[in-house]
């Protein structure tokens, strides 16, 4: 569901010429809020709790999470200005699919 919302943002941005230009920013913001809501009702926010149960030392996990957050914050503005907001969410969607595939193959 989360990946579909990310790809929906990409599609709205790609076909913004065919949609009423006044509605496109509102549609994108609504889809971002829907993504946040769905993410919060999924297992996404509790990944750190799962990691704490699996790993005895939590410090490396926290450092990796902070580093990844830093990379996303650092690259987001650049990607939006270079490629547009649609491509940014396409990248996030593809990375989500890769992570989902990795977890599916490792957990099952």
PDB file of N, CA and C in Angstrom:
ATOM      1  N   UNK A   1       0.818  -1.194   0.000  1.00  0.00           N
ATOM      2  CA  UNK A   1       0.000   0.000   0.000  1.00  0.00           C
ATOM      3  C   UNK A   1       0.865   1.262   0.000  1.00  0.00           C
ATOM      4  N   UNK A   2       1.922   1.242   0.822  1.00  0.00           N
ATOM      5  CA  UNK A   2       2.789   2.418   0.885  1.00  0.00           C
ATOM      6  C   UNK A   2       3.480   2.696  -0.443  1.00  0.00           C
ATOM      7  N   UNK A   3       3.930   1.641  -1.091  1.00  0.00           N
ATOM      8  CA  UNK A   3       4.611   1.793  -2.371  1.00  0.00           C
ATOM      9  C   UNK A   3       3.640   2.315  -3.424  1.00  0.00           C
ATOM     10  N   UNK A   4       2.399   1.874  -3.379  1.00  0.00           N
ATOM     11  CA  UNK A   4       1.394   2.368  -4.331  1.00  0.00           C
ATOM     12  C   UNK A   4       1.152   3.863  -4.161  1.00  0.00           C
ATOM     13  N   UNK A   5       1.161   4.319  -2.937  1.00  0.00           N
ATOM     14  CA  UNK A   5       0.975   5.755  -2.698  1.00  0.00           C
ATOM     15  C   UNK A   5       2.175   6.533  -3.233  1.00  0.00           C
ATOM     16  N   UNK A   6       3.381   6.005  -3.025  1.00  0.00           N
ATOM     17  CA  UNK A   6       4.575   6.670  -3.555  1.00  0.00           C
ATOM     18  C   UNK A   6       4.542   6.728  -5.073  1.00  0.00           C
ATOM     19  N   UNK A   7       4.150   5.637  -5.708  1.00  0.00           N
ATOM     20  CA  UNK A   7       4.047   5.630  -7.165  1.00  0.00           C
ATOM     21  C   UNK A   7       2.905   6.521  -7.647  1.00  0.00           C
ATOM     22  N   UNK A   8       1.854   6.676  -6.851  1.00  0.00           N
ATOM     23  CA  UNK A   8       0.767   7.589  -7.208  1.00  0.00           C
ATOM     24  C   UNK A   8       1.257   9.034  -7.233  1.00  0.00           C
ATOM     25  N   UNK A   9       2.099   9.388  -6.280  1.00  0.00           N
ATOM     26  CA  UNK A   9       2.675  10.738  -6.268  1.00  0.00           C
ATOM     27  C   UNK A   9       3.521  10.944  -7.520  1.00  0.00           C
ATOM     28  N   UNK A  10       4.302   9.934  -7.875  1.00  0.00           N
ATOM     29  CA  UNK A  10       5.115  10.011  -9.096  1.00  0.00           C
ATOM     30  C   UNK A  10       4.230  10.190 -10.328  1.00  0.00           C
ATOM     31  N   UNK A  11       3.147   9.420 -10.407  1.00  0.00           N
ATOM     32  CA  UNK A  11       2.262   9.494 -11.576  1.00  0.00           C
ATOM     33  C   UNK A  11       1.554  10.849 -11.658  1.00  0.00           C
ATOM     34  N   UNK A  12       1.117  11.380 -10.521  1.00  0.00           N
ATOM     35  CA  UNK A  12       0.481  12.705 -10.521  1.00  0.00           C
ATOM     36  C   UNK A  12       1.466  13.751 -11.018  1.00  0.00           C
ATOM     37  N   UNK A  13       2.722  13.659 -10.580  1.00  0.00           N
ATOM     38  CA  UNK A  13       3.725  14.622 -11.021  1.00  0.00           C
ATOM     39  C   UNK A  13       4.033  14.465 -12.503  1.00  0.00           C
ATOM     40  N   UNK A  14       4.060  13.241 -12.997  1.00  0.00           N
ATOM     41  CA  UNK A  14       4.367  13.015 -14.408  1.00  0.00           C
ATOM     42  C   UNK A  14       3.242  13.470 -15.331  1.00  0.00           C
ATOM     43  N   UNK A  15       2.008  13.319 -14.886  1.00  0.00           N
ATOM     44  CA  UNK A  15       0.862  13.670 -15.721  1.00  0.00           C
ATOM     45  C   UNK A  15       0.197  14.963 -15.258  1.00  0.00           C
ATOM     46  N   UNK A  16       0.982  15.862 -14.676  1.00  0.00           N
ATOM     47  CA  UNK A  16       0.414  17.103 -14.177  1.00  0.00           C
ATOM     48  C   UNK A  16      -0.095  18.011 -15.292  1.00  0.00           C
ATOM     49  N   UNK A  17       0.372  17.800 -16.524  1.00  0.00           N
ATOM     50  CA  UNK A  17      -0.119  18.586 -17.652  1.00  0.00           C
ATOM     51  C   UNK A  17      -1.544  18.197 -18.030  1.00  0.00           C
ATOM     52  N   UNK A  18      -1.948  16.984 -17.691  1.00  0.00           N
ATOM     53  CA  UNK A  18      -3.276  16.496 -18.033  1.00  0.00           C
ATOM     54  C   UNK A  18      -4.285  16.696 -16.901  1.00  0.00           C
ATOM     55  N   UNK A  19      -3.806  17.165 -15.762  1.00  0.00           N
ATOM     56  CA  UNK A  19      -4.665  17.414 -14.603  1.00  0.00           C
ATOM     57  C   UNK A  19      -4.760  18.923 -14.426  1.00  0.00           C
ATOM     58  N   UNK A  20      -5.846  19.383 -13.852  1.00  0.00           N
ATOM     59  CA  UNK A  20      -5.995  20.806 -13.556  1.00  0.00           C
ATOM     60  C   UNK A  20      -4.789  21.275 -12.743  1.00  0.00           C
ATOM     61  N   UNK A  21      -4.061  22.261 -13.255  1.00  0.00           N
ATOM     62  CA  UNK A  21      -2.801  22.684 -12.634  1.00  0.00           C
ATOM     63  C   UNK A  21      -2.983  23.221 -11.217  1.00  0.00           C
ATOM     64  N   UNK A  22      -4.183  23.689 -10.891  1.00  0.00           N
ATOM     65  CA  UNK A  22      -4.421  24.184  -9.534  1.00  0.00           C
ATOM     66  C   UNK A  22      -4.598  23.045  -8.546  1.00  0.00           C
ATOM     67  N   UNK A  23      -4.964  21.876  -9.024  1.00  0.00           N
ATOM     68  CA  UNK A  23      -5.216  20.743  -8.133  1.00  0.00           C
ATOM     69  C   UNK A  23      -3.976  19.911  -7.835  1.00  0.00           C
ATOM     70  N   UNK A  24      -2.970  19.963  -8.684  1.00  0.00           N
ATOM     71  CA  UNK A  24      -1.796  19.094  -8.542  1.00  0.00           C
ATOM     72  C   UNK A  24      -1.099  19.256  -7.188  1.00  0.00           C
ATOM     73  N   UNK A  25      -0.801  20.481  -6.726  1.00  0.00           N
ATOM     74  CA  UNK A  25      -0.149  20.580  -5.407  1.00  0.00           C
ATOM     75  C   UNK A  25      -1.008  20.007  -4.281  1.00  0.00           C
ATOM     76  N   UNK A  26      -2.311  20.212  -4.367  1.00  0.00           N
ATOM     77  CA  UNK A  26      -3.201  19.683  -3.327  1.00  0.00           C
ATOM     78  C   UNK A  26      -3.239  18.159  -3.350  1.00  0.00           C
ATOM     79  N   UNK A  27      -3.270  17.593  -4.556  1.00  0.00           N
ATOM     80  CA  UNK A  27      -3.287  16.132  -4.676  1.00  0.00           C
ATOM     81  C   UNK A  27      -2.003  15.535  -4.109  1.00  0.00           C
ATOM     82  N   UNK A  28      -0.866  16.155  -4.415  1.00  0.00           N
ATOM     83  CA  UNK A  28       0.418  15.649  -3.917  1.00  0.00           C
ATOM     84  C   UNK A  28       0.477  15.737  -2.397  1.00  0.00           C
ATOM     85  N   UNK A  29       0.042  16.852  -1.832  1.00  0.00           N
ATOM     86  CA  UNK A  29       0.066  17.006  -0.371  1.00  0.00           C
ATOM     87  C   UNK A  29      -0.880  15.996   0.283  1.00  0.00           C
ATOM     88  N   UNK A  30      -2.057  15.796  -0.293  1.00  0.00           N
ATOM     89  CA  UNK A  30      -3.008  14.815   0.244  1.00  0.00           C
ATOM     90  C   UNK A  30      -2.407  13.412   0.198  1.00  0.00           C
ATOM     91  N   UNK A  31      -1.754  13.060  -0.915  1.00  0.00           N
ATOM     92  CA  UNK A  31      -1.130  11.737  -1.014  1.00  0.00           C
ATOM     93  C   UNK A  31       0.009  11.573  -0.015  1.00  0.00           C
ATOM     94  N   UNK A  32       0.770  12.638   0.235  1.00  0.00           N
ATOM     95  CA  UNK A  32       1.839  12.556   1.236  1.00  0.00           C
ATOM     96  C   UNK A  32       1.246  12.321   2.618  1.00  0.00           C
ATOM     97  N   UNK A  33       0.171  13.034   2.942  1.00  0.00           N
ATOM     98  CA  UNK A  33      -0.482  12.818   4.246  1.00  0.00           C
ATOM     99  C   UNK A  33      -1.073  11.409   4.354  1.00  0.00           C
ATOM    100  N   UNK A  34      -1.650  10.913   3.271  1.00  0.00           N
ATOM    101  CA  UNK A  34      -2.164   9.540   3.286  1.00  0.00           C
ATOM    102  C   UNK A  34      -1.020   8.556   3.514  1.00  0.00           C
ATOM    103  N   UNK A  35       0.126   8.812   2.887  1.00  0.00           N
ATOM    104  CA  UNK A  35       1.291   7.949   3.084  1.00  0.00           C
ATOM    105  C   UNK A  35       1.721   7.959   4.550  1.00  0.00           C
ATOM    106  N   UNK A  36       1.759   9.126   5.156  1.00  0.00           N
ATOM    107  CA  UNK A  36       2.156   9.222   6.569  1.00  0.00           C
ATOM    108  C   UNK A  36       1.175   8.468   7.459  1.00  0.00           C
ATOM    109  N   UNK A  37      -0.116   8.629   7.191  1.00  0.00           N
ATOM    110  CA  UNK A  37      -1.129   7.952   8.001  1.00  0.00           C
ATOM    111  C   UNK A  37      -1.017   6.438   7.855  1.00  0.00           C
ATOM    112  N   UNK A  38      -0.894   5.960   6.619  1.00  0.00           N
ATOM    113  CA  UNK A  38      -0.787   4.513   6.395  1.00  0.00           C
ATOM    114  C   UNK A  38       0.504   3.975   7.007  1.00  0.00           C
ATOM    115  N   UNK A  39       1.593   4.726   6.884  1.00  0.00           N
ATOM    116  CA  UNK A  39       2.859   4.305   7.484  1.00  0.00           C
ATOM    117  C   UNK A  39       2.726   4.157   8.992  1.00  0.00           C
ATOM    118  N   UNK A  40       2.054   5.103   9.627  1.00  0.00           N
ATOM    119  CA  UNK A  40       1.909   5.054  11.086  1.00  0.00           C
ATOM    120  C   UNK A  40       1.009   3.920  11.552  1.00  0.00           C
ATOM    121  N   UNK A  41       0.110   3.452  10.696  1.00  0.00           N
ATOM    122  CA  UNK A  41      -0.728   2.318  11.068  1.00  0.00           C
ATOM    123  C   UNK A  41      -0.113   0.978  10.639  1.00  0.00           C
ATOM    124  N   UNK A  42       1.047   1.031   9.977  1.00  0.00           N
ATOM    125  CA  UNK A  42       1.719  -0.199   9.567  1.00  0.00           C
ATOM    126  C   UNK A  42       2.788  -0.560  10.594  1.00  0.00           C
ATOM    127  N   UNK A  43       3.640  -1.502  10.223  1.00  0.00           N
ATOM    128  CA  UNK A  43       4.722  -1.914  11.113  1.00  0.00           C
ATOM    129  C   UNK A  43       5.965  -1.034  10.988  1.00  0.00           C
ATOM    130  N   UNK A  44       5.925  -0.032  10.137  1.00  0.00           N
ATOM    131  CA  UNK A  44       7.085   0.817   9.895  1.00  0.00           C
ATOM    132  C   UNK A  44       7.667   1.494  11.107  1.00  0.00           C
ATOM    133  N   UNK A  45       6.856   2.153  11.936  1.00  0.00           N
ATOM    134  CA  UNK A  45       7.446   2.888  13.057  1.00  0.00           C
ATOM    135  C   UNK A  45       8.058   2.013  14.143  1.00  0.00           C
ATOM    136  N   UNK A  46       7.764   0.722  14.151  1.00  0.00           N
ATOM    137  CA  UNK A  46       8.266  -0.097  15.252  1.00  0.00           C
ATOM    138  C   UNK A  46       9.443  -0.990  14.834  1.00  0.00           C
ATOM    139  N   UNK A  47      10.093  -0.618  13.746  1.00  0.00           N
ATOM    140  CA  UNK A  47      11.260  -1.376  13.314  1.00  0.00           C
ATOM    141  C   UNK A  47      12.388  -1.360  14.318  1.00  0.00           C
ATOM    142  N   UNK A  48      12.565  -0.245  14.996  1.00  0.00           N
ATOM    143  CA  UNK A  48      13.613  -0.149  16.012  1.00  0.00           C
ATOM    144  C   UNK A  48      13.318  -1.070  17.193  1.00  0.00           C
ATOM    145  N   UNK A  49      12.059  -1.211  17.535  1.00  0.00           N
ATOM    146  CA  UNK A  49      11.685  -2.101  18.637  1.00  0.00           C
ATOM    147  C   UNK A  49      11.999  -3.549  18.266  1.00  0.00           C
ATOM    148  N   UNK A  50      11.696  -3.940  17.017  1.00  0.00           N
ATOM    149  CA  UNK A  50      12.043  -5.290  16.564  1.00  0.00           C
ATOM    150  C   UNK A  50      13.547  -5.497  16.592  1.00  0.00           C
ATOM    151  N   UNK A  51      14.291  -4.473  16.145  1.00  0.00           N
ATOM    152  CA  UNK A  51      15.745  -4.592  16.135  1.00  0.00           C
ATOM    153  C   UNK A  51      16.293  -4.732  17.553  1.00  0.00           C
ATOM    154  N   UNK A  52      15.673  -4.058  18.501  1.00  0.00           N
ATOM    155  CA  UNK A  52      16.126  -4.162  19.890  1.00  0.00           C
ATOM    156  C   UNK A  52      15.943  -5.561  20.441  1.00  0.00           C
ATOM    157  N   UNK A  53      14.936  -6.268  19.965  1.00  0.00           N
ATOM    158  CA  UNK A  53      14.711  -7.638  20.411  1.00  0.00           C
ATOM    159  C   UNK A  53      15.701  -8.609  19.775  1.00  0.00           C
ATOM    160  N   UNK A  54      16.168  -8.291  18.573  1.00  0.00           N
ATOM    161  CA  UNK A  54      17.048  -9.206  17.841  1.00  0.00           C
ATOM    162  C   UNK A  54      18.529  -9.004  18.150  1.00  0.00           C
ATOM    163  N   UNK A  55      18.899  -7.778  18.494  1.00  0.00           N
ATOM    164  CA  UNK A  55      20.305  -7.439  18.666  1.00  0.00           C
ATOM    165  C   UNK A  55      20.550  -7.027  20.118  1.00  0.00           C
ATOM    166  N   UNK A  56      21.581  -7.577  20.756  1.00  0.00           N
ATOM    167  CA  UNK A  56      21.819  -7.219  22.158  1.00  0.00           C
ATOM    168  C   UNK A  56      22.325  -5.783  22.343  1.00  0.00           C
ATOM    169  N   UNK A  57      23.076  -5.268  21.372  1.00  0.00           N
ATOM    170  CA  UNK A  57      23.611  -3.915  21.479  1.00  0.00           C
ATOM    171  C   UNK A  57      22.848  -3.000  20.527  1.00  0.00           C
ATOM    172  N   UNK A  58      22.127  -2.048  21.045  1.00  0.00           N
ATOM    173  CA  UNK A  58      21.258  -1.177  20.267  1.00  0.00           C
ATOM    174  C   UNK A  58      21.989   0.003  19.643  1.00  0.00           C
ATOM    175  N   UNK A  59      23.180   0.314  20.094  1.00  0.00           N
ATOM    176  CA  UNK A  59      23.891   1.508  19.638  1.00  0.00           C
ATOM    177  C   UNK A  59      24.180   1.484  18.136  1.00  0.00           C
ATOM    178  N   UNK A  60      24.664   0.385  17.543  1.00  0.00           N
ATOM    179  CA  UNK A  60      24.889   0.403  16.088  1.00  0.00           C
ATOM    180  C   UNK A  60      23.607   0.637  15.294  1.00  0.00           C
ATOM    181  N   UNK A  61      22.500   0.116  15.769  1.00  0.00           N
ATOM    182  CA  UNK A  61      21.239   0.302  15.051  1.00  0.00           C
ATOM    183  C   UNK A  61      20.816   1.764  15.102  1.00  0.00           C
ATOM    184  N   UNK A  62      20.955   2.386  16.245  1.00  0.00           N
ATOM    185  CA  UNK A  62      20.598   3.800  16.366  1.00  0.00           C
ATOM    186  C   UNK A  62      21.510   4.661  15.495  1.00  0.00           C
ATOM    187  N   UNK A  63      22.803   4.339  15.469  1.00  0.00           N
ATOM    188  CA  UNK A  63      23.737   5.093  14.632  1.00  0.00           C
ATOM    189  C   UNK A  63      23.375   4.941  13.158  1.00  0.00           C
ATOM    190  N   UNK A  64      23.043   3.739  12.717  1.00  0.00           N
ATOM    191  CA  UNK A  64      22.664   3.514  11.322  1.00  0.00           C
ATOM    192  C   UNK A  64      21.377   4.256  10.987  1.00  0.00           C
ATOM    193  N   UNK A  65      20.400   4.231  11.877  1.00  0.00           N
ATOM    194  CA  UNK A  65      19.158   4.960  11.636  1.00  0.00           C
ATOM    195  C   UNK A  65      19.402   6.460  11.526  1.00  0.00           C
ATOM    196  N   UNK A  66      20.216   7.002  12.407  1.00  0.00           N
ATOM    197  CA  UNK A  66      20.526   8.436  12.359  1.00  0.00           C
ATOM    198  C   UNK A  66      21.290   8.784  11.082  1.00  0.00           C
ATOM    199  N   UNK A  67      22.220   7.931  10.681  1.00  0.00           N
ATOM    200  CA  UNK A  67      22.988   8.172   9.462  1.00  0.00           C
ATOM    201  C   UNK A  67      22.078   8.129   8.235  1.00  0.00           C
ATOM    202  N   UNK A  68      21.171   7.152   8.184  1.00  0.00           N
ATOM    203  CA  UNK A  68      20.229   7.070   7.060  1.00  0.00           C
ATOM    204  C   UNK A  68      19.303   8.278   7.023  1.00  0.00           C
ATOM    205  N   UNK A  69      18.862   8.725   8.183  1.00  0.00           N
ATOM    206  CA  UNK A  69      18.025   9.923   8.242  1.00  0.00           C
ATOM    207  C   UNK A  69      18.792  11.137   7.743  1.00  0.00           C
ATOM    208  N   UNK A  70      20.054  11.228   8.102  1.00  0.00           N
ATOM    209  CA  UNK A  70      20.899  12.322   7.621  1.00  0.00           C
ATOM    210  C   UNK A  70      21.044  12.267   6.101  1.00  0.00           C
ATOM    211  N   UNK A  71      21.275  11.084   5.538  1.00  0.00           N
ATOM    212  CA  UNK A  71      21.416  10.959   4.087  1.00  0.00           C
ATOM    213  C   UNK A  71      20.142  11.347   3.351  1.00  0.00           C
ATOM    214  N   UNK A  72      18.996  10.928   3.880  1.00  0.00           N
ATOM    215  CA  UNK A  72      17.720  11.287   3.248  1.00  0.00           C
ATOM    216  C   UNK A  72      17.514  12.794   3.310  1.00  0.00           C
ATOM    217  N   UNK A  73      17.774  13.396   4.465  1.00  0.00           N
ATOM    218  CA  UNK A  73      17.604  14.841   4.607  1.00  0.00           C
ATOM    219  C   UNK A  73      18.569  15.610   3.706  1.00  0.00           C
ATOM    220  N   UNK A  74      19.770  15.105   3.555  1.00  0.00           N
ATOM    221  CA  UNK A  74      20.779  15.766   2.737  1.00  0.00           C
ATOM    222  C   UNK A  74      20.457  15.668   1.245  1.00  0.00           C
ATOM    223  N   UNK A  75      19.954  14.533   0.813  1.00  0.00           N
ATOM    224  CA  UNK A  75      19.737  14.315  -0.609  1.00  0.00           C
ATOM    225  C   UNK A  75      18.361  14.753  -1.106  1.00  0.00           C
ATOM    226  N   UNK A  76      17.385  14.893  -0.221  1.00  0.00           N
ATOM    227  CA  UNK A  76      16.026  15.199  -0.657  1.00  0.00           C
ATOM    228  C   UNK A  76      15.945  16.527  -1.404  1.00  0.00           C
ATOM    229  N   UNK A  77      16.501  17.578  -0.852  1.00  0.00           N
ATOM    230  CA  UNK A  77      16.432  18.892  -1.487  1.00  0.00           C
ATOM    231  C   UNK A  77      17.123  18.890  -2.849  1.00  0.00           C
ATOM    232  N   UNK A  78      18.263  18.230  -2.930  1.00  0.00           N
ATOM    233  CA  UNK A  78      18.995  18.150  -4.199  1.00  0.00           C
ATOM    234  C   UNK A  78      18.174  17.405  -5.255  1.00  0.00           C
ATOM    235  N   UNK A  79      17.613  16.265  -4.889  1.00  0.00           N
ATOM    236  CA  UNK A  79      16.856  15.468  -5.852  1.00  0.00           C
ATOM    237  C   UNK A  79      15.612  16.220  -6.323  1.00  0.00           C
ATOM    238  N   UNK A  80      14.926  16.904  -5.407  1.00  0.00           N
ATOM    239  CA  UNK A  80      13.740  17.666  -5.814  1.00  0.00           C
ATOM    240  C   UNK A  80      14.109  18.749  -6.816  1.00  0.00           C
ATOM    241  N   UNK A  81      15.197  19.463  -6.581  1.00  0.00           N
ATOM    242  CA  UNK A  81      15.569  20.547  -7.490  1.00  0.00           C
ATOM    243  C   UNK A  81      16.166  20.046  -8.798  1.00  0.00           C
ATOM    244  N   UNK A  82      16.820  18.900  -8.782  1.00  0.00           N
ATOM    245  CA  UNK A  82      17.406  18.357 -10.012  1.00  0.00           C
ATOM    246  C   UNK A  82      16.374  17.623 -10.867  1.00  0.00           C
ATOM    247  N   UNK A  83      15.526  16.809 -10.241  1.00  0.00           N
ATOM    248  CA  UNK A  83      14.661  15.905 -10.989  1.00  0.00           C
ATOM    249  C   UNK A  83      13.171  16.123 -10.769  1.00  0.00           C
ATOM    250  N   UNK A  84      12.777  16.796  -9.708  1.00  0.00           N
ATOM    251  CA  UNK A  84      11.368  17.023  -9.416  1.00  0.00           C
ATOM    252  C   UNK A  84      10.879  16.105  -8.307  1.00  0.00           C
ATOM    253  N   UNK A  85       9.735  16.466  -7.751  1.00  0.00           N
ATOM    254  CA  UNK A  85       9.214  15.724  -6.609  1.00  0.00           C
ATOM    255  C   UNK A  85       8.730  14.329  -6.999  1.00  0.00           C
ATOM    256  N   UNK A  86       8.253  14.177  -8.226  1.00  0.00           N
ATOM    257  CA  UNK A  86       7.782  12.859  -8.678  1.00  0.00           C
ATOM    258  C   UNK A  86       8.901  11.835  -8.714  1.00  0.00           C
ATOM    259  N   UNK A  87      10.050  12.235  -9.238  1.00  0.00           N
ATOM    260  CA  UNK A  87      11.186  11.316  -9.312  1.00  0.00           C
ATOM    261  C   UNK A  87      11.709  10.972  -7.918  1.00  0.00           C
ATOM    262  N   UNK A  88      11.632  11.933  -6.993  1.00  0.00           N
ATOM    263  CA  UNK A  88      12.047  11.663  -5.615  1.00  0.00           C
ATOM    264  C   UNK A  88      11.207  10.535  -5.021  1.00  0.00           C
ATOM    265  N   UNK A  89       9.899  10.618  -5.185  1.00  0.00           N
ATOM    266  CA  UNK A  89       9.043   9.584  -4.626  1.00  0.00           C
ATOM    267  C   UNK A  89       9.136   8.280  -5.411  1.00  0.00           C
ATOM    268  N   UNK A  90       9.503   8.355  -6.699  1.00  0.00           N
ATOM    269  CA  UNK A  90       9.776   7.128  -7.446  1.00  0.00           C
ATOM    270  C   UNK A  90      10.991   6.420  -6.861  1.00  0.00           C
ATOM    271  N   UNK A  91      12.033   7.181  -6.537  1.00  0.00           N
ATOM    272  CA  UNK A  91      13.228   6.595  -5.917  1.00  0.00           C
ATOM    273  C   UNK A  91      12.870   5.956  -4.586  1.00  0.00           C
ATOM    274  N   UNK A  92      12.070   6.667  -3.760  1.00  0.00           N
ATOM    275  CA  UNK A  92      11.653   6.107  -2.474  1.00  0.00           C
ATOM    276  C   UNK A  92      10.821   4.844  -2.668  1.00  0.00           C
ATOM    277  N   UNK A  93       9.970   4.832  -3.690  1.00  0.00           N
ATOM    278  CA  UNK A  93       9.158   3.645  -3.967  1.00  0.00           C
ATOM    279  C   UNK A  93       9.996   2.459  -4.388  1.00  0.00           C
ATOM    280  N   UNK A  94      10.981   2.693  -5.249  1.00  0.00           N
ATOM    281  CA  UNK A  94      11.862   1.608  -5.690  1.00  0.00           C
ATOM    282  C   UNK A  94      12.693   1.086  -4.518  1.00  0.00           C
ATOM    283  N   UNK A  95      13.202   1.990  -3.685  1.00  0.00           N
ATOM    284  CA  UNK A  95      13.953   1.552  -2.510  1.00  0.00           C
ATOM    285  C   UNK A  95      13.065   0.762  -1.552  1.00  0.00           C
ATOM    286  N   UNK A  96      11.809   1.154  -1.433  1.00  0.00           N
ATOM    287  CA  UNK A  96      10.875   0.403  -0.581  1.00  0.00           C
ATOM    288  C   UNK A  96      10.630  -0.996  -1.136  1.00  0.00           C
ATOM    289  N   UNK A  97      10.499  -1.106  -2.455  1.00  0.00           N
ATOM    290  CA  UNK A  97      10.317  -2.434  -3.065  1.00  0.00           C
ATOM    291  C   UNK A  97      11.542  -3.309  -2.859  1.00  0.00           C
ATOM    292  N   UNK A  98      12.731  -2.729  -2.993  1.00  0.00           N
ATOM    293  CA  UNK A  98      13.958  -3.493  -2.775  1.00  0.00           C
ATOM    294  C   UNK A  98      14.033  -3.969  -1.325  1.00  0.00           C
ATOM    295  N   UNK A  99      13.714  -3.082  -0.381  1.00  0.00           N
ATOM    296  CA  UNK A  99      13.731  -3.467   1.029  1.00  0.00           C
ATOM    297  C   UNK A  99      12.690  -4.540   1.324  1.00  0.00           C
ATOM    298  N   UNK A 100      11.521  -4.398   0.718  1.00  0.00           N
ATOM    299  CA  UNK A 100      10.468  -5.393   0.922  1.00  0.00           C
ATOM    300  C   UNK A 100      10.889  -6.748   0.364  1.00  0.00           C
ATOM    301  N   UNK A 101      11.510  -6.770  -0.793  1.00  0.00           N
ATOM    302  CA  UNK A 101      11.996  -8.013  -1.377  1.00  0.00           C
ATOM    303  C   UNK A 101      13.079  -8.635  -0.496  1.00  0.00           C
ATOM    304  N   UNK A 102      14.007  -7.802  -0.025  1.00  0.00           N
ATOM    305  CA  UNK A 102      15.071  -8.294   0.844  1.00  0.00           C
ATOM    306  C   UNK A 102      14.497  -8.915   2.114  1.00  0.00           C
ATOM    307  N   UNK A 103      13.566  -8.224   2.754  1.00  0.00           N
ATOM    308  CA  UNK A 103      12.967  -8.755   3.978  1.00  0.00           C
ATOM    309  C   UNK A 103      12.161 -10.020   3.709  1.00  0.00           C
ATOM    310  N   UNK A 104      11.452 -10.048   2.588  1.00  0.00           N
ATOM    311  CA  UNK A 104      10.648 -11.218   2.254  1.00  0.00           C
ATOM    312  C   UNK A 104      11.531 -12.437   2.029  1.00  0.00           C
ATOM    313  N   UNK A 105      12.658 -12.257   1.335  1.00  0.00           N
ATOM    314  CA  UNK A 105      13.533 -13.392   1.064  1.00  0.00           C
ATOM    315  C   UNK A 105      14.308 -13.832   2.303  1.00  0.00           C
ATOM    316  N   UNK A 106      14.574 -12.920   3.216  1.00  0.00           N
ATOM    317  CA  UNK A 106      15.344 -13.258   4.425  1.00  0.00           C
ATOM    318  C   UNK A 106      14.475 -13.767   5.566  1.00  0.00           C
ATOM    319  N   UNK A 107      13.244 -13.318   5.608  1.00  0.00           N
ATOM    320  CA  UNK A 107      12.384 -13.678   6.740  1.00  0.00           C
ATOM    321  C   UNK A 107      11.578 -14.947   6.500  1.00  0.00           C
ATOM    322  N   UNK A 108      11.351 -15.294   5.249  1.00  0.00           N
ATOM    323  CA  UNK A 108      10.522 -16.480   4.959  1.00  0.00           C
ATOM    324  C   UNK A 108      11.382 -17.613   4.465  1.00  0.00           C
TER     325      UNK A 108
END
